[in-house]
N, C-alpha and C. Protein backbone atom coordinates (compact mmCIF):
# COMPACT_ATOMS: atom_id res chain seq x y z
N MET A 1 -19.51 18.93 63.75
CA MET A 1 -20.14 19.21 62.46
C MET A 1 -21.09 20.39 62.63
N THR A 2 -21.01 21.33 61.72
CA THR A 2 -21.87 22.51 61.82
C THR A 2 -23.30 22.14 61.45
N ASP A 3 -24.22 23.06 61.80
CA ASP A 3 -25.63 22.83 61.48
C ASP A 3 -25.85 22.75 59.97
N ARG A 4 -25.12 23.56 59.21
CA ARG A 4 -25.28 23.55 57.76
C ARG A 4 -24.87 22.19 57.18
N LEU A 5 -23.80 21.63 57.67
CA LEU A 5 -23.37 20.32 57.18
C LEU A 5 -24.35 19.23 57.60
N LYS A 6 -24.91 19.36 58.80
CA LYS A 6 -25.93 18.40 59.23
C LYS A 6 -27.16 18.49 58.34
N ASP A 7 -27.56 19.72 57.98
CA ASP A 7 -28.69 19.90 57.08
C ASP A 7 -28.40 19.30 55.72
N ARG A 8 -27.19 19.52 55.21
CA ARG A 8 -26.80 18.97 53.92
C ARG A 8 -26.84 17.44 53.96
N ALA A 9 -26.31 16.87 55.03
CA ALA A 9 -26.31 15.41 55.17
C ALA A 9 -27.74 14.88 55.28
N LEU A 10 -28.59 15.59 56.00
CA LEU A 10 -29.98 15.16 56.14
C LEU A 10 -30.69 15.17 54.78
N VAL A 11 -30.49 16.23 54.01
CA VAL A 11 -31.10 16.30 52.69
C VAL A 11 -30.58 15.17 51.80
N ALA A 12 -29.29 14.91 51.84
CA ALA A 12 -28.71 13.83 51.03
C ALA A 12 -29.30 12.48 51.42
N LYS A 13 -29.47 12.26 52.71
CA LYS A 13 -30.06 11.00 53.17
C LYS A 13 -31.52 10.88 52.76
N LEU A 14 -32.27 11.96 52.95
CA LEU A 14 -33.69 11.95 52.57
C LEU A 14 -33.87 11.77 51.06
N ALA A 15 -33.01 12.41 50.28
CA ALA A 15 -33.08 12.26 48.82
C ALA A 15 -32.77 10.81 48.41
N SER A 16 -31.84 10.19 49.11
CA SER A 16 -31.51 8.79 48.83
C SER A 16 -32.69 7.88 49.17
N ILE A 17 -33.31 8.14 50.29
CA ILE A 17 -34.49 7.35 50.69
C ILE A 17 -35.62 7.56 49.69
N ALA A 18 -35.82 8.80 49.26
CA ALA A 18 -36.86 9.09 48.27
C ALA A 18 -36.58 8.34 46.96
N ALA A 19 -35.32 8.30 46.54
CA ALA A 19 -34.96 7.57 45.32
C ALA A 19 -35.29 6.09 45.46
N ALA A 20 -34.98 5.52 46.63
CA ALA A 20 -35.29 4.11 46.86
C ALA A 20 -36.80 3.87 46.86
N LEU A 21 -37.55 4.78 47.44
CA LEU A 21 -39.02 4.64 47.45
C LEU A 21 -39.61 4.76 46.05
N ILE A 22 -39.10 5.69 45.26
CA ILE A 22 -39.60 5.87 43.90
C ILE A 22 -39.29 4.63 43.06
N LEU A 23 -38.05 4.15 43.14
CA LEU A 23 -37.69 2.95 42.39
C LEU A 23 -38.47 1.74 42.88
N GLY A 24 -38.64 1.63 44.19
CA GLY A 24 -39.44 0.54 44.75
C GLY A 24 -40.88 0.58 44.27
N THR A 25 -41.44 1.78 44.17
CA THR A 25 -42.80 1.92 43.66
C THR A 25 -42.89 1.46 42.21
N ALA A 26 -41.88 1.77 41.42
CA ALA A 26 -41.87 1.32 40.02
C ALA A 26 -41.90 -0.21 39.97
N TYR A 27 -41.13 -0.85 40.84
CA TYR A 27 -41.11 -2.32 40.85
C TYR A 27 -42.42 -2.89 41.39
N VAL A 28 -43.07 -2.21 42.32
CA VAL A 28 -44.39 -2.66 42.79
C VAL A 28 -45.40 -2.60 41.64
N PHE A 29 -45.37 -1.53 40.86
CA PHE A 29 -46.26 -1.44 39.70
C PHE A 29 -45.95 -2.56 38.71
N GLN A 30 -44.67 -2.86 38.54
CA GLN A 30 -44.28 -3.89 37.58
C GLN A 30 -44.65 -5.30 38.06
N PHE A 31 -44.17 -5.67 39.23
CA PHE A 31 -44.34 -7.05 39.69
C PHE A 31 -45.63 -7.27 40.48
N GLY A 32 -46.13 -6.22 41.12
CA GLY A 32 -47.34 -6.36 41.91
C GLY A 32 -48.62 -6.18 41.11
N PHE A 33 -48.56 -5.24 40.16
CA PHE A 33 -49.77 -4.92 39.40
C PHE A 33 -49.68 -5.28 37.92
N GLY A 34 -48.53 -5.75 37.47
CA GLY A 34 -48.40 -6.21 36.09
C GLY A 34 -48.17 -5.15 35.04
N TYR A 35 -47.81 -3.93 35.44
CA TYR A 35 -47.51 -2.88 34.46
C TYR A 35 -46.07 -3.04 33.99
N GLN A 36 -45.89 -3.58 32.81
CA GLN A 36 -44.55 -3.81 32.29
C GLN A 36 -43.95 -2.49 31.80
N PRO A 37 -42.70 -2.22 32.13
CA PRO A 37 -42.06 -0.96 31.72
C PRO A 37 -41.65 -1.00 30.25
N CYS A 38 -41.65 0.17 29.64
CA CYS A 38 -41.14 0.30 28.28
C CYS A 38 -39.65 0.65 28.36
N ALA A 39 -39.03 0.80 27.21
CA ALA A 39 -37.60 1.12 27.17
C ALA A 39 -37.29 2.45 27.85
N LEU A 40 -38.16 3.44 27.67
CA LEU A 40 -37.92 4.74 28.30
C LEU A 40 -38.10 4.67 29.82
N CYS A 41 -38.99 3.78 30.28
CA CYS A 41 -39.15 3.59 31.72
C CYS A 41 -37.86 3.05 32.34
N TYR A 42 -37.24 2.09 31.65
CA TYR A 42 -35.98 1.54 32.16
C TYR A 42 -34.91 2.62 32.23
N ASN A 43 -34.84 3.49 31.22
CA ASN A 43 -33.85 4.56 31.25
C ASN A 43 -34.01 5.46 32.47
N GLN A 44 -35.24 5.63 32.94
CA GLN A 44 -35.48 6.46 34.10
C GLN A 44 -35.06 5.77 35.40
N ARG A 45 -34.98 4.46 35.37
CA ARG A 45 -34.63 3.71 36.58
C ARG A 45 -33.14 3.70 36.88
N TYR A 46 -32.31 3.71 35.86
CA TYR A 46 -30.87 3.54 36.07
C TYR A 46 -30.25 4.62 36.96
N PRO A 47 -30.56 5.92 36.78
CA PRO A 47 -29.98 6.90 37.70
C PRO A 47 -30.41 6.69 39.16
N TYR A 48 -31.65 6.22 39.36
CA TYR A 48 -32.08 5.90 40.72
C TYR A 48 -31.21 4.79 41.31
N MET A 49 -30.90 3.80 40.50
CA MET A 49 -30.04 2.70 40.97
C MET A 49 -28.67 3.23 41.37
N VAL A 50 -28.13 4.17 40.60
CA VAL A 50 -26.84 4.76 40.93
C VAL A 50 -26.94 5.56 42.23
N ILE A 51 -28.01 6.33 42.40
CA ILE A 51 -28.20 7.09 43.64
C ILE A 51 -28.23 6.16 44.84
N ILE A 52 -28.95 5.06 44.73
CA ILE A 52 -29.06 4.11 45.84
C ILE A 52 -27.71 3.45 46.12
N GLY A 53 -27.00 3.07 45.07
CA GLY A 53 -25.66 2.48 45.24
C GLY A 53 -24.70 3.45 45.91
N LEU A 54 -24.74 4.70 45.45
CA LEU A 54 -23.87 5.72 46.07
C LEU A 54 -24.25 5.95 47.53
N ALA A 55 -25.53 5.87 47.83
CA ALA A 55 -25.97 6.07 49.22
C ALA A 55 -25.42 4.98 50.13
N VAL A 56 -25.37 3.77 49.64
CA VAL A 56 -24.80 2.67 50.43
C VAL A 56 -23.32 2.97 50.72
N VAL A 57 -22.59 3.35 49.68
CA VAL A 57 -21.18 3.68 49.85
C VAL A 57 -21.02 4.91 50.75
N ALA A 58 -21.86 5.91 50.55
CA ALA A 58 -21.79 7.14 51.36
C ALA A 58 -22.03 6.85 52.84
N SER A 59 -22.93 5.92 53.11
CA SER A 59 -23.20 5.60 54.52
C SER A 59 -22.00 4.91 55.16
N LEU A 60 -21.26 4.17 54.37
CA LEU A 60 -20.07 3.49 54.90
C LEU A 60 -18.88 4.43 55.03
N LEU A 61 -18.76 5.41 54.13
CA LEU A 61 -17.60 6.29 54.11
C LEU A 61 -17.85 7.70 54.61
N GLY A 62 -19.08 7.98 55.04
CA GLY A 62 -19.40 9.29 55.60
C GLY A 62 -19.42 10.41 54.59
N TRP A 63 -19.93 10.16 53.41
CA TRP A 63 -19.94 11.16 52.34
C TRP A 63 -21.18 12.03 52.33
N PHE A 64 -22.17 11.75 53.13
CA PHE A 64 -23.44 12.46 53.02
C PHE A 64 -23.30 13.97 53.18
N GLN A 65 -22.36 14.44 53.98
CA GLN A 65 -22.21 15.88 54.20
C GLN A 65 -21.32 16.54 53.15
N LYS A 66 -20.74 15.77 52.25
CA LYS A 66 -19.84 16.32 51.23
C LYS A 66 -20.64 17.06 50.15
N ALA A 67 -20.14 18.22 49.76
CA ALA A 67 -20.81 19.02 48.74
C ALA A 67 -20.85 18.28 47.40
N TRP A 68 -19.76 17.61 47.04
CA TRP A 68 -19.74 16.92 45.75
C TRP A 68 -20.77 15.79 45.71
N TYR A 69 -21.05 15.18 46.86
CA TYR A 69 -22.04 14.10 46.89
C TYR A 69 -23.43 14.65 46.60
N LEU A 70 -23.76 15.76 47.21
CA LEU A 70 -25.06 16.39 46.97
C LEU A 70 -25.16 16.87 45.52
N ALA A 71 -24.05 17.38 44.97
CA ALA A 71 -24.04 17.80 43.57
C ALA A 71 -24.25 16.59 42.65
N ALA A 72 -23.65 15.47 42.99
CA ALA A 72 -23.83 14.25 42.19
C ALA A 72 -25.28 13.78 42.24
N GLN A 73 -25.88 13.85 43.41
CA GLN A 73 -27.30 13.50 43.53
C GLN A 73 -28.16 14.42 42.67
N ALA A 74 -27.88 15.71 42.73
CA ALA A 74 -28.65 16.67 41.93
C ALA A 74 -28.50 16.36 40.44
N ALA A 75 -27.30 16.03 40.01
CA ALA A 75 -27.07 15.70 38.60
C ALA A 75 -27.83 14.43 38.20
N LEU A 76 -27.84 13.45 39.07
CA LEU A 76 -28.57 12.21 38.77
C LEU A 76 -30.08 12.45 38.74
N PHE A 77 -30.59 13.24 39.66
CA PHE A 77 -32.02 13.59 39.63
C PHE A 77 -32.34 14.41 38.37
N ALA A 78 -31.42 15.26 37.93
CA ALA A 78 -31.63 16.01 36.70
C ALA A 78 -31.68 15.07 35.50
N THR A 79 -30.86 14.03 35.52
CA THR A 79 -30.87 13.03 34.46
C THR A 79 -32.22 12.32 34.41
N VAL A 80 -32.71 11.90 35.57
CA VAL A 80 -34.03 11.26 35.63
C VAL A 80 -35.10 12.22 35.11
N SER A 81 -35.02 13.48 35.53
CA SER A 81 -36.00 14.48 35.08
C SER A 81 -36.00 14.62 33.57
N GLY A 82 -34.82 14.63 32.98
CA GLY A 82 -34.71 14.74 31.53
C GLY A 82 -35.34 13.55 30.82
N TYR A 83 -35.01 12.34 31.29
CA TYR A 83 -35.61 11.14 30.71
C TYR A 83 -37.13 11.15 30.88
N ALA A 84 -37.59 11.53 32.06
CA ALA A 84 -39.03 11.52 32.34
C ALA A 84 -39.75 12.56 31.48
N LEU A 85 -39.19 13.75 31.35
CA LEU A 85 -39.82 14.78 30.53
C LEU A 85 -39.87 14.33 29.07
N TYR A 86 -38.80 13.73 28.59
CA TYR A 86 -38.78 13.19 27.22
C TYR A 86 -39.89 12.14 27.07
N HIS A 87 -40.03 11.27 28.06
CA HIS A 87 -41.05 10.23 28.00
C HIS A 87 -42.46 10.83 28.00
N VAL A 88 -42.69 11.82 28.82
CA VAL A 88 -43.99 12.51 28.83
C VAL A 88 -44.27 13.10 27.45
N GLY A 89 -43.28 13.72 26.85
CA GLY A 89 -43.45 14.29 25.53
C GLY A 89 -43.78 13.25 24.48
N VAL A 90 -43.18 12.08 24.59
CA VAL A 90 -43.49 10.98 23.67
C VAL A 90 -44.92 10.50 23.90
N GLU A 91 -45.30 10.36 25.17
CA GLU A 91 -46.67 9.93 25.49
C GLU A 91 -47.71 10.92 24.97
N GLN A 92 -47.41 12.20 25.08
CA GLN A 92 -48.36 13.25 24.67
C GLN A 92 -48.25 13.59 23.18
N LYS A 93 -47.34 12.91 22.49
CA LYS A 93 -47.12 13.13 21.05
C LYS A 93 -46.60 14.53 20.76
N TRP A 94 -45.85 15.11 21.72
CA TRP A 94 -45.22 16.40 21.50
C TRP A 94 -44.03 16.25 20.57
N TRP A 95 -43.38 15.08 20.63
CA TRP A 95 -42.25 14.77 19.76
C TRP A 95 -42.21 13.27 19.55
N ALA A 96 -41.43 12.85 18.58
CA ALA A 96 -41.34 11.43 18.26
C ALA A 96 -40.44 10.72 19.28
N GLY A 97 -40.80 9.50 19.57
CA GLY A 97 -39.99 8.69 20.46
C GLY A 97 -39.12 7.74 19.66
N PRO A 98 -38.41 6.87 20.35
CA PRO A 98 -37.58 5.90 19.64
C PRO A 98 -38.45 4.97 18.80
N SER A 99 -38.00 4.67 17.61
CA SER A 99 -38.80 3.82 16.71
C SER A 99 -38.93 2.40 17.24
N SER A 100 -38.06 2.01 18.16
CA SER A 100 -38.12 0.64 18.69
C SER A 100 -39.30 0.41 19.63
N CYS A 101 -39.90 1.49 20.16
CA CYS A 101 -41.01 1.28 21.10
C CYS A 101 -42.16 2.25 20.89
N THR A 102 -42.28 2.79 19.69
CA THR A 102 -43.41 3.65 19.36
C THR A 102 -44.06 3.13 18.09
N GLY A 103 -45.15 3.71 17.72
CA GLY A 103 -45.90 3.26 16.56
C GLY A 103 -45.13 3.32 15.26
N GLY A 104 -44.02 4.03 15.20
CA GLY A 104 -43.25 4.16 13.97
C GLY A 104 -42.19 3.10 13.79
N GLY A 105 -42.19 2.05 14.62
CA GLY A 105 -41.17 1.01 14.55
C GLY A 105 -41.26 0.18 13.28
N THR A 106 -40.14 -0.38 12.88
CA THR A 106 -40.09 -1.25 11.71
C THR A 106 -39.66 -2.63 12.15
N PHE A 107 -39.92 -3.60 11.29
CA PHE A 107 -39.59 -4.98 11.61
C PHE A 107 -38.86 -5.60 10.43
N GLU A 108 -37.75 -6.27 10.71
CA GLU A 108 -37.01 -6.95 9.66
C GLU A 108 -37.07 -8.45 9.89
N VAL A 109 -37.28 -9.20 8.81
CA VAL A 109 -37.34 -10.66 8.89
C VAL A 109 -35.92 -11.19 8.99
N PRO A 110 -35.65 -12.08 9.97
CA PRO A 110 -34.31 -12.66 10.09
C PRO A 110 -33.94 -13.46 8.84
N ALA A 111 -32.64 -13.62 8.59
CA ALA A 111 -32.15 -14.29 7.39
C ALA A 111 -32.64 -15.74 7.29
N GLY A 112 -32.75 -16.43 8.40
CA GLY A 112 -33.15 -17.84 8.39
C GLY A 112 -34.65 -18.05 8.28
N GLY A 113 -35.42 -17.02 8.13
CA GLY A 113 -36.87 -17.16 8.07
C GLY A 113 -37.50 -16.59 9.33
N PHE A 114 -38.81 -16.71 9.42
CA PHE A 114 -39.52 -16.09 10.53
C PHE A 114 -40.71 -16.94 10.91
N ASP A 115 -40.84 -17.22 12.20
CA ASP A 115 -41.98 -17.96 12.73
C ASP A 115 -42.82 -16.99 13.55
N LEU A 116 -43.93 -16.51 12.95
CA LEU A 116 -44.77 -15.50 13.58
C LEU A 116 -45.33 -15.97 14.91
N THR A 117 -45.78 -17.21 14.98
CA THR A 117 -46.36 -17.74 16.21
C THR A 117 -45.34 -17.74 17.35
N ALA A 118 -44.13 -18.18 17.05
CA ALA A 118 -43.08 -18.21 18.08
C ALA A 118 -42.72 -16.79 18.52
N ALA A 119 -42.63 -15.88 17.57
CA ALA A 119 -42.27 -14.50 17.91
C ALA A 119 -43.34 -13.85 18.78
N MET A 120 -44.60 -14.10 18.47
CA MET A 120 -45.68 -13.50 19.25
C MET A 120 -45.74 -14.07 20.66
N SER A 121 -45.39 -15.33 20.83
CA SER A 121 -45.45 -15.93 22.16
C SER A 121 -44.25 -15.54 23.02
N GLU A 122 -43.16 -15.18 22.39
CA GLU A 122 -41.94 -14.85 23.12
C GLU A 122 -41.85 -13.39 23.54
N THR A 123 -42.31 -12.48 22.70
CA THR A 123 -42.04 -11.07 22.92
C THR A 123 -43.31 -10.23 22.92
N LYS A 124 -43.40 -9.37 23.92
CA LYS A 124 -44.46 -8.37 23.92
C LYS A 124 -43.79 -7.02 24.12
N ILE A 125 -43.83 -6.21 23.09
CA ILE A 125 -43.19 -4.90 23.15
C ILE A 125 -44.15 -3.93 23.83
N VAL A 126 -43.67 -3.29 24.87
CA VAL A 126 -44.45 -2.27 25.57
C VAL A 126 -44.18 -0.95 24.86
N MET A 127 -45.22 -0.32 24.41
CA MET A 127 -45.08 0.90 23.63
C MET A 127 -44.79 2.10 24.53
N CYS A 128 -43.80 2.88 24.15
CA CYS A 128 -43.39 4.06 24.92
C CYS A 128 -44.35 5.23 24.75
N ASP A 129 -45.12 5.22 23.66
CA ASP A 129 -46.01 6.35 23.40
C ASP A 129 -47.44 6.11 23.87
N GLU A 130 -47.65 5.06 24.64
CA GLU A 130 -48.96 4.77 25.21
C GLU A 130 -48.88 4.89 26.73
N VAL A 131 -49.81 5.60 27.32
CA VAL A 131 -49.86 5.77 28.77
C VAL A 131 -50.48 4.50 29.37
N ALA A 132 -49.71 3.81 30.19
CA ALA A 132 -50.19 2.56 30.79
C ALA A 132 -51.06 2.82 32.02
N TRP A 133 -50.75 3.88 32.76
CA TRP A 133 -51.46 4.21 34.00
C TRP A 133 -51.37 5.71 34.20
N GLU A 134 -52.45 6.28 34.70
CA GLU A 134 -52.43 7.70 35.05
C GLU A 134 -53.36 7.97 36.22
N LEU A 135 -53.07 9.05 36.91
CA LEU A 135 -53.89 9.51 38.03
C LEU A 135 -54.02 11.02 37.87
N LEU A 136 -55.25 11.51 37.86
CA LEU A 136 -55.52 12.94 37.69
C LEU A 136 -54.92 13.48 36.39
N GLY A 137 -54.91 12.63 35.36
CA GLY A 137 -54.40 13.04 34.06
C GLY A 137 -52.89 13.07 33.94
N ILE A 138 -52.18 12.58 34.95
CA ILE A 138 -50.72 12.57 34.93
C ILE A 138 -50.26 11.12 34.89
N SER A 139 -49.36 10.81 33.95
CA SER A 139 -48.85 9.45 33.80
C SER A 139 -47.75 9.17 34.83
N MET A 140 -47.33 7.91 34.87
CA MET A 140 -46.22 7.56 35.77
C MET A 140 -44.97 8.36 35.42
N ALA A 141 -44.71 8.54 34.12
CA ALA A 141 -43.56 9.34 33.70
C ALA A 141 -43.72 10.79 34.17
N GLY A 142 -44.95 11.29 34.14
CA GLY A 142 -45.21 12.65 34.62
C GLY A 142 -44.93 12.81 36.10
N TYR A 143 -45.40 11.83 36.88
CA TYR A 143 -45.12 11.88 38.32
C TYR A 143 -43.63 11.73 38.58
N ASN A 144 -42.97 10.89 37.79
CA ASN A 144 -41.53 10.72 37.95
C ASN A 144 -40.81 12.04 37.67
N PHE A 145 -41.27 12.76 36.65
CA PHE A 145 -40.66 14.06 36.37
C PHE A 145 -40.85 15.02 37.55
N ILE A 146 -42.07 15.10 38.03
CA ILE A 146 -42.37 16.02 39.14
C ILE A 146 -41.51 15.70 40.36
N LEU A 147 -41.45 14.43 40.72
CA LEU A 147 -40.69 14.03 41.92
C LEU A 147 -39.19 14.23 41.73
N SER A 148 -38.66 13.77 40.60
CA SER A 148 -37.21 13.87 40.40
C SER A 148 -36.76 15.33 40.24
N PHE A 149 -37.58 16.14 39.58
CA PHE A 149 -37.24 17.55 39.44
C PHE A 149 -37.27 18.24 40.80
N GLY A 150 -38.26 17.92 41.61
CA GLY A 150 -38.34 18.47 42.97
C GLY A 150 -37.16 18.06 43.83
N LEU A 151 -36.75 16.80 43.72
CA LEU A 151 -35.60 16.33 44.48
C LEU A 151 -34.31 16.98 44.00
N MET A 152 -34.21 17.21 42.69
CA MET A 152 -33.04 17.91 42.17
C MET A 152 -32.98 19.33 42.76
N LEU A 153 -34.12 20.02 42.76
CA LEU A 153 -34.15 21.37 43.33
C LEU A 153 -33.81 21.36 44.82
N LEU A 154 -34.31 20.37 45.54
CA LEU A 154 -34.00 20.25 46.97
C LEU A 154 -32.50 20.07 47.19
N CYS A 155 -31.89 19.20 46.40
CA CYS A 155 -30.44 18.98 46.53
C CYS A 155 -29.66 20.26 46.19
N LEU A 156 -30.06 20.94 45.13
CA LEU A 156 -29.38 22.18 44.76
C LEU A 156 -29.55 23.26 45.81
N PHE A 157 -30.74 23.35 46.39
CA PHE A 157 -30.98 24.34 47.44
C PHE A 157 -30.11 24.03 48.66
N ALA A 158 -30.04 22.76 49.05
CA ALA A 158 -29.20 22.38 50.19
C ALA A 158 -27.73 22.65 49.91
N LEU A 159 -27.33 22.41 48.67
CA LEU A 159 -25.95 22.68 48.28
C LEU A 159 -25.66 24.16 48.35
N TRP A 160 -26.59 24.98 47.83
CA TRP A 160 -26.41 26.42 47.85
C TRP A 160 -26.46 26.96 49.28
N LYS A 161 -27.39 26.44 50.08
CA LYS A 161 -27.53 26.90 51.46
C LYS A 161 -26.29 26.55 52.28
N GLY A 162 -25.68 25.43 51.99
CA GLY A 162 -24.49 25.00 52.72
C GLY A 162 -23.27 25.85 52.45
N LYS A 163 -23.26 26.56 51.32
CA LYS A 163 -22.11 27.41 50.96
C LYS A 163 -22.14 28.76 51.65
N SER A 164 -23.31 29.24 52.00
CA SER A 164 -23.41 30.60 52.53
C SER A 164 -22.91 30.73 53.95
């Protein structure tokens, strides 16, 4: 295996580990500290899950040095970046978010009637347009954007470097 392919495989492995750490951190915030995710937070998690699943398969089949694998990782990190940037924009009120988890949501009474007490005890909607946690003025979605965008660039650079 050439040095370039080894570098590509190393970047793919490190990006997979980073994805697992980022997703693991999200679950630590959720289950360890009680920060419940909103709908947009869940959307940001799914591509990480795919990256981790692909990494397991890649480790079994030796795909880490494949160019298409690194391109797939870059595309998945780009997807996370897009979701995260959209979420940051919703938090900052740059644009409207989904009505199901922002202040503009509506509520319809079910046909059989409505028990307010039961509904309040069963469901707590986490608002997508409220920042639950931040550090240095950056929300979790903001950090997710920074990390996923950086990992996307790293994967693209390794892919480009491997071609030359």
